[in-house]
Amino acid sequence: MCFSVSLWDQIYPFVFGMPFNMFWLIGWVLLTPLIMWGAYKLEMAKLAENKAQEGMKHE
């Protein structure tokens, strides 16, 4: 997100009324929590599955 700034650091074009630079940064700020939430849900589902399999082995 930060190291590629020189590639997209432009005022034009405008996206949703904002310079592309601002749109890019705000977009990632909004997407990051959603991506992290999705990763958390996937990990919790995997953990629950592993716990269920461990429970079956002990029975």
Protein backbone atom coordinates (compact mmCIF):
# COMPACT_ATOMS: atom_id res chain seq x y z
CA MET A 1 0.00 0.00 0.00
CA CYS A 2 2.73 2.49 0.91
CA PHE A 3 5.71 1.47 -1.21
CA SER A 4 3.88 1.90 -4.50
CA VAL A 5 2.84 5.52 -3.87
CA SER A 6 5.06 6.89 -6.62
CA LEU A 7 3.21 4.72 -9.17
CA TRP A 8 -0.25 6.09 -8.41
CA ASP A 9 0.45 9.48 -6.80
CA GLN A 10 -1.61 11.61 -9.18
CA ILE A 11 -4.33 14.19 -8.80
CA TYR A 12 -6.11 13.06 -11.95
CA PRO A 13 -8.20 10.98 -12.51
CA PHE A 14 -10.87 11.63 -9.93
CA VAL A 15 -12.67 8.61 -8.49
CA PHE A 16 -15.95 9.25 -6.65
CA GLY A 17 -15.07 12.95 -6.54
CA MET A 18 -11.69 12.38 -4.87
CA PRO A 19 -8.19 12.44 -6.30
CA PHE A 20 -7.06 8.90 -7.03
CA ASN A 21 -4.41 9.08 -4.27
CA MET A 22 -7.01 9.84 -1.60
CA PHE A 23 -9.42 7.24 -3.00
CA TRP A 24 -6.66 4.58 -2.88
CA LEU A 25 -5.71 5.32 0.71
CA ILE A 26 -9.28 5.57 2.00
CA GLY A 27 -10.21 2.42 0.10
CA TRP A 28 -7.47 0.41 1.82
CA VAL A 29 -8.29 1.91 5.21
CA LEU A 30 -11.88 0.68 4.78
CA LEU A 31 -10.97 -2.70 3.24
CA THR A 32 -8.32 -3.70 5.78
CA PRO A 33 -10.74 -4.34 8.69
CA LEU A 34 -13.03 -6.35 6.39
CA ILE A 35 -10.14 -8.49 5.19
CA MET A 36 -8.92 -9.01 8.76
CA TRP A 37 -12.45 -9.96 9.89
CA GLY A 38 -12.67 -12.52 7.07
CA ALA A 39 -9.28 -14.00 8.01
CA TYR A 40 -10.36 -14.18 11.65
CA LYS A 41 -13.59 -16.00 10.74
CA LEU A 42 -11.67 -18.50 8.60
CA GLU A 43 -9.17 -19.18 11.38
CA MET A 44 -11.92 -19.58 14.00
CA ALA A 45 -13.76 -22.06 11.75
CA LYS A 46 -10.54 -24.01 11.23
CA LEU A 47 -9.85 -24.00 14.99
CA ALA A 48 -13.37 -25.24 15.76
CA GLU A 49 -12.97 -28.01 13.18
CA ASN A 50 -9.63 -29.06 14.69
CA LYS A 51 -11.14 -29.11 18.19
CA ALA A 52 -14.03 -31.25 16.95
CA GLN A 53 -11.60 -33.72 15.36
CA GLU A 54 -9.53 -33.83 18.56
CA GLY A 55 -12.69 -34.61 20.53
CA MET A 56 -13.48 -37.55 18.21
CA LYS A 57 -9.97 -39.01 18.66
CA HIS A 58 -10.31 -39.13 22.44
CA GLU A 59 -13.67 -40.91 22.41
